[in-house]
N, C-alpha and C. Protein backbone atom coordinates (compact mmCIF):
# COMPACT_ATOMS: atom_id res chain seq x y z
N MET A 1 3.76 20.11 -17.75
CA MET A 1 4.63 20.95 -16.92
C MET A 1 5.88 20.17 -16.54
N SER A 2 7.07 20.74 -16.85
CA SER A 2 8.31 20.01 -16.64
C SER A 2 8.55 19.70 -15.17
N GLU A 3 8.08 20.60 -14.27
CA GLU A 3 8.28 20.35 -12.83
C GLU A 3 7.59 19.06 -12.40
N LEU A 4 6.47 18.75 -13.05
CA LEU A 4 5.74 17.52 -12.72
C LEU A 4 6.57 16.29 -13.08
N GLN A 5 7.18 16.33 -14.26
CA GLN A 5 8.06 15.23 -14.68
C GLN A 5 9.29 15.16 -13.78
N ASP A 6 9.80 16.33 -13.40
CA ASP A 6 10.96 16.37 -12.50
C ASP A 6 10.60 15.78 -11.14
N LEU A 7 9.37 16.04 -10.70
CA LEU A 7 8.90 15.50 -9.41
C LEU A 7 8.85 13.97 -9.48
N THR A 8 8.31 13.46 -10.56
CA THR A 8 8.26 12.00 -10.75
C THR A 8 9.67 11.41 -10.69
N ALA A 9 10.60 12.06 -11.39
CA ALA A 9 11.99 11.58 -11.42
C ALA A 9 12.63 11.65 -10.04
N ALA A 10 12.36 12.74 -9.31
CA ALA A 10 12.96 12.91 -7.98
C ALA A 10 12.48 11.82 -7.02
N VAL A 11 11.18 11.51 -7.08
CA VAL A 11 10.63 10.46 -6.21
C VAL A 11 11.23 9.10 -6.59
N GLU A 12 11.31 8.84 -7.88
CA GLU A 12 11.89 7.56 -8.33
C GLU A 12 13.31 7.39 -7.80
N LYS A 13 14.07 8.48 -7.78
CA LYS A 13 15.46 8.42 -7.30
C LYS A 13 15.54 8.45 -5.77
N GLY A 14 14.41 8.73 -5.12
CA GLY A 14 14.43 8.81 -3.67
C GLY A 14 15.02 10.10 -3.15
N ASN A 15 15.02 11.14 -3.99
CA ASN A 15 15.57 12.44 -3.59
C ASN A 15 14.50 13.23 -2.83
N ARG A 16 14.48 13.08 -1.52
CA ARG A 16 13.42 13.67 -0.70
C ARG A 16 13.43 15.20 -0.76
N LYS A 17 14.64 15.77 -0.69
CA LYS A 17 14.75 17.23 -0.69
C LYS A 17 14.19 17.83 -1.98
N GLU A 18 14.56 17.23 -3.10
CA GLU A 18 14.08 17.72 -4.40
C GLU A 18 12.58 17.46 -4.57
N ALA A 19 12.12 16.32 -4.07
CA ALA A 19 10.70 15.98 -4.19
C ALA A 19 9.83 16.99 -3.44
N THR A 20 10.25 17.37 -2.23
CA THR A 20 9.47 18.34 -1.46
C THR A 20 9.58 19.74 -2.07
N ARG A 21 10.77 20.08 -2.58
CA ARG A 21 10.94 21.40 -3.21
C ARG A 21 10.03 21.54 -4.42
N LEU A 22 10.02 20.51 -5.26
CA LEU A 22 9.20 20.56 -6.49
C LEU A 22 7.71 20.54 -6.16
N THR A 23 7.34 19.80 -5.12
CA THR A 23 5.93 19.79 -4.69
C THR A 23 5.51 21.20 -4.30
N GLN A 24 6.37 21.90 -3.57
CA GLN A 24 6.05 23.28 -3.17
C GLN A 24 5.97 24.20 -4.38
N VAL A 25 6.88 24.01 -5.33
CA VAL A 25 6.86 24.82 -6.57
C VAL A 25 5.53 24.65 -7.30
N LEU A 26 5.08 23.39 -7.41
CA LEU A 26 3.82 23.11 -8.11
C LEU A 26 2.62 23.68 -7.35
N LEU A 27 2.65 23.57 -6.03
CA LEU A 27 1.56 24.14 -5.23
C LEU A 27 1.54 25.66 -5.37
N ASP A 28 2.71 26.28 -5.32
CA ASP A 28 2.81 27.74 -5.45
C ASP A 28 2.33 28.21 -6.82
N ALA A 29 2.50 27.33 -7.83
CA ALA A 29 2.08 27.68 -9.19
C ALA A 29 0.58 27.50 -9.39
N GLY A 30 -0.08 26.97 -8.33
CA GLY A 30 -1.54 26.84 -8.39
C GLY A 30 -2.04 25.51 -8.93
N MET A 31 -1.15 24.52 -9.05
CA MET A 31 -1.61 23.22 -9.53
C MET A 31 -2.46 22.55 -8.45
N PRO A 32 -3.62 22.01 -8.81
CA PRO A 32 -4.46 21.32 -7.83
C PRO A 32 -3.70 20.17 -7.16
N PRO A 33 -3.78 20.07 -5.84
CA PRO A 33 -3.04 19.02 -5.12
C PRO A 33 -3.29 17.61 -5.67
N LEU A 34 -4.55 17.32 -6.03
CA LEU A 34 -4.86 15.99 -6.53
C LEU A 34 -4.14 15.70 -7.84
N ASP A 35 -3.98 16.73 -8.67
CA ASP A 35 -3.25 16.55 -9.93
C ASP A 35 -1.78 16.21 -9.68
N ILE A 36 -1.21 16.84 -8.63
CA ILE A 36 0.18 16.55 -8.29
C ILE A 36 0.31 15.08 -7.88
N VAL A 37 -0.66 14.61 -7.11
CA VAL A 37 -0.64 13.21 -6.68
C VAL A 37 -0.79 12.27 -7.88
N GLU A 38 -1.84 12.51 -8.67
CA GLU A 38 -2.18 11.57 -9.74
C GLU A 38 -1.22 11.64 -10.93
N SER A 39 -0.63 12.81 -11.18
CA SER A 39 0.22 12.97 -12.36
C SER A 39 1.71 13.02 -12.04
N GLY A 40 2.04 13.15 -10.74
CA GLY A 40 3.44 13.23 -10.36
C GLY A 40 3.90 12.11 -9.46
N LEU A 41 3.16 11.90 -8.36
CA LEU A 41 3.60 10.93 -7.36
C LEU A 41 3.22 9.49 -7.70
N VAL A 42 1.96 9.29 -8.11
CA VAL A 42 1.51 7.92 -8.43
C VAL A 42 2.33 7.31 -9.58
N PRO A 43 2.58 8.06 -10.66
CA PRO A 43 3.41 7.48 -11.74
C PRO A 43 4.82 7.11 -11.26
N ALA A 44 5.36 7.89 -10.33
CA ALA A 44 6.71 7.58 -9.82
C ALA A 44 6.75 6.22 -9.15
N MET A 45 5.79 5.98 -8.26
CA MET A 45 5.77 4.69 -7.55
C MET A 45 5.41 3.55 -8.49
N SER A 46 4.59 3.83 -9.48
CA SER A 46 4.26 2.82 -10.48
C SER A 46 5.50 2.43 -11.28
N ASN A 47 6.31 3.44 -11.64
CA ASN A 47 7.56 3.17 -12.38
C ASN A 47 8.53 2.36 -11.54
N VAL A 48 8.63 2.71 -10.25
CA VAL A 48 9.52 1.98 -9.34
C VAL A 48 9.06 0.52 -9.22
N GLY A 49 7.76 0.34 -9.13
CA GLY A 49 7.20 -1.01 -9.04
C GLY A 49 7.52 -1.84 -10.27
N GLU A 50 7.41 -1.23 -11.44
CA GLU A 50 7.72 -1.96 -12.68
C GLU A 50 9.20 -2.32 -12.74
N LYS A 51 10.06 -1.39 -12.31
CA LYS A 51 11.51 -1.66 -12.32
C LYS A 51 11.85 -2.79 -11.34
N PHE A 52 11.13 -2.81 -10.21
CA PHE A 52 11.35 -3.86 -9.22
C PHE A 52 11.03 -5.22 -9.80
N LYS A 53 9.92 -5.29 -10.53
CA LYS A 53 9.52 -6.57 -11.12
C LYS A 53 10.55 -7.07 -12.13
N LYS A 54 11.25 -6.13 -12.77
CA LYS A 54 12.27 -6.49 -13.78
C LYS A 54 13.66 -6.64 -13.16
N ASN A 55 13.72 -6.58 -11.82
CA ASN A 55 15.00 -6.67 -11.11
C ASN A 55 15.96 -5.54 -11.48
N GLU A 56 15.40 -4.38 -11.85
CA GLU A 56 16.24 -3.21 -12.15
C GLU A 56 16.50 -2.39 -10.89
N VAL A 57 15.59 -2.51 -9.90
CA VAL A 57 15.81 -1.93 -8.57
C VAL A 57 15.41 -2.98 -7.54
N PHE A 58 15.82 -2.75 -6.29
CA PHE A 58 15.56 -3.74 -5.24
C PHE A 58 14.89 -3.08 -4.04
N VAL A 59 14.65 -3.83 -2.99
CA VAL A 59 13.89 -3.33 -1.84
C VAL A 59 14.43 -2.00 -1.29
N PRO A 60 15.76 -1.83 -1.11
CA PRO A 60 16.24 -0.55 -0.58
C PRO A 60 15.83 0.64 -1.44
N GLU A 61 15.93 0.48 -2.77
CA GLU A 61 15.54 1.58 -3.67
C GLU A 61 14.04 1.87 -3.58
N MET A 62 13.26 0.81 -3.43
CA MET A 62 11.81 1.00 -3.29
C MET A 62 11.48 1.77 -2.00
N LEU A 63 12.18 1.41 -0.92
CA LEU A 63 11.95 2.08 0.36
C LEU A 63 12.32 3.55 0.29
N ILE A 64 13.45 3.84 -0.37
CA ILE A 64 13.92 5.23 -0.48
C ILE A 64 12.93 6.05 -1.31
N ALA A 65 12.45 5.46 -2.41
CA ALA A 65 11.47 6.16 -3.24
C ALA A 65 10.17 6.39 -2.47
N ALA A 66 9.75 5.37 -1.72
CA ALA A 66 8.51 5.48 -0.95
C ALA A 66 8.62 6.57 0.12
N ARG A 67 9.79 6.71 0.70
CA ARG A 67 9.98 7.76 1.72
C ARG A 67 9.91 9.15 1.08
N ALA A 68 10.48 9.28 -0.11
CA ALA A 68 10.42 10.57 -0.82
C ALA A 68 8.96 10.92 -1.14
N MET A 69 8.21 9.91 -1.59
CA MET A 69 6.79 10.13 -1.88
C MET A 69 6.04 10.51 -0.61
N LYS A 70 6.37 9.85 0.50
CA LYS A 70 5.70 10.09 1.77
C LYS A 70 5.88 11.54 2.22
N GLU A 71 7.10 12.08 2.04
CA GLU A 71 7.36 13.46 2.45
C GLU A 71 6.61 14.45 1.56
N ALA A 72 6.54 14.15 0.27
CA ALA A 72 5.77 15.01 -0.64
C ALA A 72 4.28 14.94 -0.29
N MET A 73 3.80 13.73 0.00
CA MET A 73 2.38 13.55 0.36
C MET A 73 2.04 14.27 1.66
N ALA A 74 3.00 14.36 2.58
CA ALA A 74 2.76 15.04 3.86
C ALA A 74 2.43 16.52 3.63
N MET A 75 2.97 17.08 2.56
CA MET A 75 2.68 18.48 2.22
C MET A 75 1.30 18.62 1.57
N ILE A 76 0.92 17.60 0.82
CA ILE A 76 -0.31 17.67 0.03
C ILE A 76 -1.54 17.21 0.81
N GLN A 77 -1.34 16.23 1.71
CA GLN A 77 -2.48 15.62 2.41
C GLN A 77 -3.39 16.61 3.12
N PRO A 78 -2.84 17.58 3.87
CA PRO A 78 -3.73 18.54 4.55
C PRO A 78 -4.61 19.34 3.58
N LEU A 79 -4.07 19.62 2.41
CA LEU A 79 -4.82 20.37 1.39
C LEU A 79 -5.95 19.51 0.82
N LEU A 80 -5.65 18.23 0.60
CA LEU A 80 -6.68 17.30 0.10
C LEU A 80 -7.78 17.15 1.15
N THR A 81 -7.37 17.00 2.41
CA THR A 81 -8.32 16.83 3.50
C THR A 81 -9.22 18.06 3.62
N ALA A 82 -8.60 19.24 3.54
CA ALA A 82 -9.35 20.50 3.66
C ALA A 82 -10.36 20.65 2.53
N ALA A 83 -10.00 20.09 1.37
CA ALA A 83 -10.89 20.18 0.20
C ALA A 83 -11.90 19.03 0.16
N GLY A 84 -11.81 18.14 1.16
CA GLY A 84 -12.75 17.02 1.22
C GLY A 84 -12.47 15.93 0.22
N ILE A 85 -11.22 15.90 -0.29
CA ILE A 85 -10.84 14.89 -1.28
C ILE A 85 -10.21 13.70 -0.57
N LYS A 86 -10.77 12.52 -0.78
CA LYS A 86 -10.26 11.31 -0.14
C LYS A 86 -9.88 10.29 -1.21
N PRO A 87 -8.94 9.39 -0.88
CA PRO A 87 -8.64 8.30 -1.81
C PRO A 87 -9.91 7.49 -2.06
N LYS A 88 -10.00 6.92 -3.23
CA LYS A 88 -11.22 6.19 -3.63
C LYS A 88 -11.37 4.89 -2.83
N TYR A 89 -10.24 4.26 -2.50
CA TYR A 89 -10.30 2.95 -1.84
C TYR A 89 -9.52 2.95 -0.52
N THR A 90 -10.00 2.14 0.42
CA THR A 90 -9.34 1.99 1.72
C THR A 90 -8.88 0.56 1.90
N ALA A 91 -7.64 0.41 2.36
CA ALA A 91 -7.08 -0.92 2.63
C ALA A 91 -6.63 -1.00 4.08
N VAL A 92 -6.97 -2.10 4.75
CA VAL A 92 -6.46 -2.40 6.09
C VAL A 92 -5.35 -3.42 5.91
N ILE A 93 -4.20 -3.17 6.52
CA ILE A 93 -3.07 -4.07 6.32
C ILE A 93 -2.37 -4.35 7.65
N GLY A 94 -1.91 -5.59 7.82
CA GLY A 94 -1.22 -5.94 9.06
C GLY A 94 -0.56 -7.31 8.96
N THR A 95 0.31 -7.58 9.93
CA THR A 95 0.95 -8.90 10.03
C THR A 95 0.12 -9.74 11.00
N VAL A 96 -0.12 -10.99 10.64
CA VAL A 96 -1.07 -11.82 11.39
C VAL A 96 -0.57 -12.20 12.79
N GLN A 97 -1.51 -12.70 13.57
CA GLN A 97 -1.24 -13.04 14.98
C GLN A 97 -0.07 -14.01 15.12
N GLY A 98 0.84 -13.69 16.06
CA GLY A 98 1.99 -14.54 16.31
C GLY A 98 3.23 -14.14 15.53
N ASP A 99 3.08 -13.20 14.59
CA ASP A 99 4.19 -12.81 13.72
C ASP A 99 4.52 -11.33 13.94
N LEU A 100 5.80 -11.04 14.18
CA LEU A 100 6.21 -9.67 14.49
C LEU A 100 6.98 -9.01 13.35
N HIS A 101 7.06 -9.66 12.21
CA HIS A 101 7.81 -9.11 11.08
C HIS A 101 7.00 -8.03 10.36
N ASP A 102 7.67 -6.93 10.00
CA ASP A 102 6.90 -5.85 9.40
C ASP A 102 7.52 -5.18 8.17
N ILE A 103 8.73 -5.60 7.75
CA ILE A 103 9.36 -4.90 6.61
C ILE A 103 8.51 -5.04 5.35
N GLY A 104 8.08 -6.28 5.04
CA GLY A 104 7.26 -6.50 3.85
C GLY A 104 5.93 -5.77 3.94
N LYS A 105 5.31 -5.85 5.11
CA LYS A 105 4.03 -5.15 5.32
C LYS A 105 4.19 -3.65 5.12
N ASN A 106 5.25 -3.09 5.70
CA ASN A 106 5.48 -1.65 5.59
C ASN A 106 5.69 -1.23 4.14
N LEU A 107 6.39 -2.07 3.40
CA LEU A 107 6.66 -1.76 1.99
C LEU A 107 5.38 -1.80 1.18
N VAL A 108 4.55 -2.80 1.41
CA VAL A 108 3.26 -2.88 0.71
C VAL A 108 2.39 -1.68 1.08
N ALA A 109 2.40 -1.31 2.35
CA ALA A 109 1.60 -0.15 2.80
C ALA A 109 2.04 1.12 2.07
N MET A 110 3.36 1.32 1.98
CA MET A 110 3.87 2.52 1.31
C MET A 110 3.56 2.50 -0.18
N MET A 111 3.65 1.32 -0.79
CA MET A 111 3.35 1.22 -2.22
C MET A 111 1.86 1.47 -2.48
N LEU A 112 1.00 0.98 -1.58
CA LEU A 112 -0.43 1.23 -1.74
C LEU A 112 -0.75 2.71 -1.58
N LYS A 113 -0.09 3.37 -0.62
CA LYS A 113 -0.28 4.81 -0.46
C LYS A 113 0.17 5.54 -1.72
N GLY A 114 1.25 5.02 -2.31
CA GLY A 114 1.76 5.60 -3.56
C GLY A 114 0.80 5.42 -4.71
N ALA A 115 -0.08 4.44 -4.60
CA ALA A 115 -1.11 4.21 -5.62
C ALA A 115 -2.43 4.90 -5.22
N ASN A 116 -2.33 5.78 -4.22
CA ASN A 116 -3.46 6.60 -3.77
C ASN A 116 -4.56 5.79 -3.07
N PHE A 117 -4.15 4.79 -2.30
CA PHE A 117 -5.07 4.09 -1.40
C PHE A 117 -4.99 4.76 -0.03
N ASN A 118 -6.10 4.81 0.67
CA ASN A 118 -6.09 5.16 2.09
C ASN A 118 -5.72 3.89 2.83
N VAL A 119 -4.57 3.90 3.53
CA VAL A 119 -4.07 2.68 4.17
C VAL A 119 -4.17 2.78 5.69
N ILE A 120 -4.86 1.81 6.27
CA ILE A 120 -4.95 1.69 7.73
C ILE A 120 -4.02 0.55 8.13
N ASP A 121 -2.88 0.91 8.72
CA ASP A 121 -1.89 -0.10 9.14
C ASP A 121 -2.17 -0.48 10.59
N VAL A 122 -2.61 -1.73 10.81
CA VAL A 122 -2.96 -2.16 12.17
C VAL A 122 -1.79 -2.83 12.88
N GLY A 123 -0.60 -2.84 12.23
CA GLY A 123 0.61 -3.29 12.90
C GLY A 123 0.91 -4.77 12.76
N VAL A 124 1.58 -5.31 13.79
CA VAL A 124 2.02 -6.71 13.77
C VAL A 124 1.30 -7.49 14.87
N ASN A 125 1.38 -8.83 14.77
CA ASN A 125 0.75 -9.70 15.77
C ASN A 125 -0.73 -9.36 15.94
N VAL A 126 -1.42 -9.24 14.80
CA VAL A 126 -2.80 -8.76 14.81
C VAL A 126 -3.80 -9.93 14.85
N ALA A 127 -4.66 -9.91 15.84
CA ALA A 127 -5.68 -10.94 15.99
C ALA A 127 -6.74 -10.79 14.91
N PRO A 128 -7.39 -11.90 14.52
CA PRO A 128 -8.46 -11.83 13.51
C PRO A 128 -9.52 -10.80 13.85
N GLU A 129 -9.88 -10.71 15.14
CA GLU A 129 -10.93 -9.78 15.57
C GLU A 129 -10.53 -8.33 15.30
N LYS A 130 -9.23 -8.05 15.43
CA LYS A 130 -8.75 -6.68 15.21
C LYS A 130 -8.81 -6.32 13.73
N PHE A 131 -8.42 -7.28 12.88
CA PHE A 131 -8.54 -7.06 11.43
C PHE A 131 -10.00 -6.78 11.07
N LEU A 132 -10.89 -7.60 11.61
CA LEU A 132 -12.32 -7.49 11.30
C LEU A 132 -12.88 -6.16 11.78
N ALA A 133 -12.52 -5.76 12.99
CA ALA A 133 -13.01 -4.50 13.55
C ALA A 133 -12.51 -3.31 12.72
N ALA A 134 -11.24 -3.35 12.32
CA ALA A 134 -10.66 -2.25 11.53
C ALA A 134 -11.32 -2.15 10.16
N ALA A 135 -11.60 -3.31 9.57
CA ALA A 135 -12.24 -3.33 8.25
C ALA A 135 -13.65 -2.74 8.33
N LYS A 136 -14.39 -3.12 9.38
CA LYS A 136 -15.75 -2.59 9.55
C LYS A 136 -15.74 -1.10 9.83
N GLU A 137 -14.86 -0.70 10.75
CA GLU A 137 -14.79 0.69 11.20
C GLU A 137 -14.43 1.64 10.06
N ASN A 138 -13.57 1.18 9.16
CA ASN A 138 -13.09 2.04 8.07
C ASN A 138 -13.73 1.76 6.72
N ASN A 139 -14.77 0.90 6.73
CA ASN A 139 -15.43 0.51 5.47
C ASN A 139 -14.40 0.11 4.41
N ALA A 140 -13.48 -0.75 4.82
CA ALA A 140 -12.37 -1.14 3.95
C ALA A 140 -12.85 -1.92 2.72
N HIS A 141 -12.24 -1.61 1.59
CA HIS A 141 -12.50 -2.36 0.36
C HIS A 141 -11.60 -3.59 0.28
N LEU A 142 -10.51 -3.54 1.06
CA LEU A 142 -9.46 -4.54 0.92
C LEU A 142 -8.76 -4.75 2.26
N VAL A 143 -8.39 -6.01 2.52
CA VAL A 143 -7.58 -6.33 3.71
C VAL A 143 -6.35 -7.09 3.23
N GLY A 144 -5.18 -6.66 3.71
CA GLY A 144 -3.93 -7.33 3.35
C GLY A 144 -3.33 -8.02 4.57
N LEU A 145 -3.10 -9.33 4.47
CA LEU A 145 -2.52 -10.10 5.57
C LEU A 145 -1.10 -10.51 5.21
N SER A 146 -0.16 -10.26 6.14
CA SER A 146 1.24 -10.61 5.90
C SER A 146 1.71 -11.63 6.93
N ALA A 147 2.58 -12.54 6.49
CA ALA A 147 3.20 -13.51 7.41
C ALA A 147 4.58 -13.88 6.87
N LEU A 148 5.56 -13.97 7.75
CA LEU A 148 6.89 -14.38 7.33
C LEU A 148 7.23 -15.76 7.86
N LEU A 149 6.56 -16.19 8.93
CA LEU A 149 6.84 -17.47 9.55
C LEU A 149 5.82 -18.53 9.11
N THR A 150 6.29 -19.72 8.79
CA THR A 150 5.36 -20.80 8.41
C THR A 150 4.42 -21.13 9.58
N THR A 151 4.91 -20.92 10.81
CA THR A 151 4.10 -21.24 11.99
C THR A 151 2.92 -20.29 12.16
N THR A 152 2.97 -19.13 11.50
CA THR A 152 1.85 -18.18 11.64
C THR A 152 0.90 -18.21 10.45
N MET A 153 1.21 -19.06 9.47
CA MET A 153 0.32 -19.17 8.31
C MET A 153 -1.11 -19.58 8.69
N PRO A 154 -1.29 -20.49 9.67
CA PRO A 154 -2.67 -20.83 10.05
C PRO A 154 -3.49 -19.63 10.53
N ALA A 155 -2.81 -18.60 11.06
CA ALA A 155 -3.53 -17.40 11.50
C ALA A 155 -4.17 -16.67 10.33
N MET A 156 -3.62 -16.85 9.14
CA MET A 156 -4.23 -16.27 7.95
C MET A 156 -5.58 -16.93 7.69
N LYS A 157 -5.60 -18.25 7.80
CA LYS A 157 -6.87 -18.98 7.58
C LYS A 157 -7.90 -18.57 8.63
N THR A 158 -7.45 -18.46 9.88
CA THR A 158 -8.36 -18.07 10.96
C THR A 158 -8.96 -16.69 10.69
N THR A 159 -8.12 -15.80 10.16
CA THR A 159 -8.59 -14.44 9.87
C THR A 159 -9.58 -14.43 8.70
N VAL A 160 -9.25 -15.16 7.65
CA VAL A 160 -10.16 -15.25 6.50
C VAL A 160 -11.50 -15.85 6.95
N ASP A 161 -11.42 -16.91 7.76
CA ASP A 161 -12.64 -17.56 8.27
C ASP A 161 -13.49 -16.59 9.08
N ALA A 162 -12.82 -15.75 9.90
CA ALA A 162 -13.54 -14.79 10.74
C ALA A 162 -14.34 -13.82 9.89
N PHE A 163 -13.74 -13.39 8.77
CA PHE A 163 -14.44 -12.47 7.85
C PHE A 163 -15.64 -13.17 7.20
N ARG A 164 -15.41 -14.38 6.76
CA ARG A 164 -16.49 -15.11 6.07
C ARG A 164 -17.65 -15.40 7.03
N GLU A 165 -17.30 -15.80 8.27
CA GLU A 165 -18.34 -16.11 9.26
C GLU A 165 -19.14 -14.88 9.65
N ALA A 166 -18.47 -13.71 9.62
CA ALA A 166 -19.14 -12.46 9.97
C ALA A 166 -19.93 -11.89 8.79
N GLY A 167 -19.78 -12.53 7.62
CA GLY A 167 -20.50 -12.06 6.44
C GLY A 167 -19.94 -10.79 5.85
N VAL A 168 -18.69 -10.46 6.21
CA VAL A 168 -18.03 -9.26 5.68
C VAL A 168 -17.38 -9.61 4.35
N GLN A 169 -17.80 -8.92 3.30
CA GLN A 169 -17.37 -9.30 1.95
C GLN A 169 -16.10 -8.61 1.47
N THR A 170 -15.38 -7.97 2.38
CA THR A 170 -14.14 -7.28 2.01
C THR A 170 -13.18 -8.25 1.32
N LYS A 171 -12.53 -7.80 0.25
CA LYS A 171 -11.55 -8.63 -0.45
C LYS A 171 -10.31 -8.81 0.44
N ILE A 172 -9.78 -10.02 0.47
CA ILE A 172 -8.62 -10.31 1.31
C ILE A 172 -7.47 -10.82 0.44
N MET A 173 -6.33 -10.13 0.53
CA MET A 173 -5.13 -10.58 -0.18
C MET A 173 -4.06 -10.93 0.84
N ILE A 174 -3.21 -11.90 0.51
CA ILE A 174 -2.19 -12.36 1.45
C ILE A 174 -0.83 -12.37 0.77
N GLY A 175 0.23 -12.31 1.61
CA GLY A 175 1.57 -12.34 1.08
C GLY A 175 2.59 -12.58 2.17
N GLY A 176 3.83 -12.81 1.76
CA GLY A 176 4.91 -13.10 2.70
C GLY A 176 5.76 -14.23 2.15
N ALA A 177 6.95 -14.38 2.67
CA ALA A 177 7.94 -15.33 2.12
C ALA A 177 7.43 -16.76 1.94
N PRO A 178 6.71 -17.34 2.93
CA PRO A 178 6.31 -18.74 2.76
C PRO A 178 4.99 -18.94 2.02
N ILE A 179 4.35 -17.84 1.66
CA ILE A 179 2.99 -17.92 1.10
C ILE A 179 3.03 -18.24 -0.40
N THR A 180 2.04 -19.02 -0.84
CA THR A 180 1.92 -19.36 -2.26
C THR A 180 0.48 -19.14 -2.72
N GLN A 181 0.30 -19.15 -4.04
CA GLN A 181 -1.05 -19.04 -4.59
C GLN A 181 -1.89 -20.23 -4.15
N GLN A 182 -1.27 -21.41 -4.09
CA GLN A 182 -1.99 -22.61 -3.68
C GLN A 182 -2.54 -22.45 -2.26
N PHE A 183 -1.71 -21.87 -1.36
CA PHE A 183 -2.16 -21.66 0.01
C PHE A 183 -3.31 -20.66 0.05
N ALA A 184 -3.20 -19.62 -0.77
CA ALA A 184 -4.28 -18.62 -0.84
C ALA A 184 -5.59 -19.28 -1.27
N ASN A 185 -5.49 -20.17 -2.24
CA ASN A 185 -6.68 -20.89 -2.72
C ASN A 185 -7.26 -21.78 -1.61
N GLU A 186 -6.36 -22.44 -0.88
CA GLU A 186 -6.79 -23.37 0.17
C GLU A 186 -7.56 -22.67 1.29
N ILE A 187 -7.12 -21.45 1.64
CA ILE A 187 -7.77 -20.77 2.78
C ILE A 187 -8.89 -19.83 2.36
N GLY A 188 -9.11 -19.73 1.05
CA GLY A 188 -10.22 -18.91 0.57
C GLY A 188 -9.92 -17.43 0.48
N ALA A 189 -8.62 -17.08 0.41
CA ALA A 189 -8.26 -15.67 0.20
C ALA A 189 -8.59 -15.28 -1.24
N ASP A 190 -8.78 -13.97 -1.47
CA ASP A 190 -9.15 -13.52 -2.81
C ASP A 190 -7.95 -13.35 -3.73
N GLY A 191 -6.75 -13.29 -3.13
CA GLY A 191 -5.57 -13.13 -3.98
C GLY A 191 -4.29 -13.27 -3.19
N TYR A 192 -3.20 -13.53 -3.94
CA TYR A 192 -1.86 -13.67 -3.36
C TYR A 192 -0.89 -12.86 -4.20
N SER A 193 0.04 -12.20 -3.52
CA SER A 193 1.07 -11.46 -4.24
C SER A 193 2.46 -11.83 -3.72
N PRO A 194 3.41 -12.07 -4.63
CA PRO A 194 4.75 -12.46 -4.21
C PRO A 194 5.63 -11.30 -3.75
N ASP A 195 5.25 -10.06 -4.11
CA ASP A 195 6.07 -8.91 -3.72
C ASP A 195 5.22 -7.64 -3.66
N ALA A 196 5.84 -6.57 -3.16
CA ALA A 196 5.10 -5.32 -2.93
C ALA A 196 4.59 -4.68 -4.22
N ALA A 197 5.41 -4.73 -5.26
CA ALA A 197 4.99 -4.12 -6.53
C ALA A 197 3.77 -4.84 -7.11
N SER A 198 3.82 -6.18 -7.08
CA SER A 198 2.69 -6.96 -7.58
C SER A 198 1.46 -6.79 -6.68
N ALA A 199 1.70 -6.51 -5.40
CA ALA A 199 0.58 -6.33 -4.46
C ALA A 199 -0.29 -5.16 -4.87
N VAL A 200 0.34 -4.11 -5.38
CA VAL A 200 -0.43 -2.94 -5.82
C VAL A 200 -1.30 -3.30 -7.01
N ASP A 201 -0.72 -4.03 -7.97
CA ASP A 201 -1.50 -4.46 -9.15
C ASP A 201 -2.68 -5.33 -8.71
N LEU A 202 -2.40 -6.26 -7.80
CA LEU A 202 -3.46 -7.15 -7.30
C LEU A 202 -4.54 -6.35 -6.59
N ALA A 203 -4.12 -5.42 -5.74
CA ALA A 203 -5.09 -4.61 -4.98
C ALA A 203 -6.00 -3.84 -5.92
N GLN A 204 -5.41 -3.24 -6.95
CA GLN A 204 -6.21 -2.46 -7.91
C GLN A 204 -7.18 -3.37 -8.67
N THR A 205 -6.75 -4.59 -8.96
CA THR A 205 -7.62 -5.55 -9.65
C THR A 205 -8.77 -5.97 -8.76
N LEU A 206 -8.47 -6.24 -7.48
CA LEU A 206 -9.49 -6.73 -6.56
C LEU A 206 -10.57 -5.70 -6.26
N VAL A 207 -10.19 -4.41 -6.20
CA VAL A 207 -11.17 -3.38 -5.85
C VAL A 207 -11.89 -2.82 -7.07
N ALA A 208 -11.36 -3.10 -8.24
CA ALA A 208 -11.94 -2.51 -9.47
C ALA A 208 -13.36 -3.00 -9.70
């Protein structure tokens, strides 16, 4: 259906008005809401992610595309909920204790939603106990920890340790400007991602 391809293109361009119009057209035509998500919206964010990795688009373009997807999803979500359809995987994401930066976290959250994850955003300056409680409460498959300050990197280790001590086997991925794969290895995290697009690939690998 050409409208589906047009929807993908509209989301990629960040055209919110066109994305919502086409979503309504597809719903009115009787297309199952989940098909619109899986065949229209998810490919759009996947394409944007690939372009980002190749430096063909940058953070502003990713944010604009994610907002277009978010508005289309707002139309579809109630229908999915009413039909009892839920995303297959749940991720808890937040910025660690002592750190108030959220742009990177927000971008990863939007990209994960675009990949059809149920995302529980616990915000910024999040204590290890709060991450742990949210993961347990939501039966999370994945926890994402973000930090922008080198001074808050130890809070990542404290959070990972809290999960391990509690015997919670949820996969933990970390990211942020000062973070490296070596640091992820040192603190026992399950994975590290340098950017939002790669974070989605990593998340899908970790939960698979």
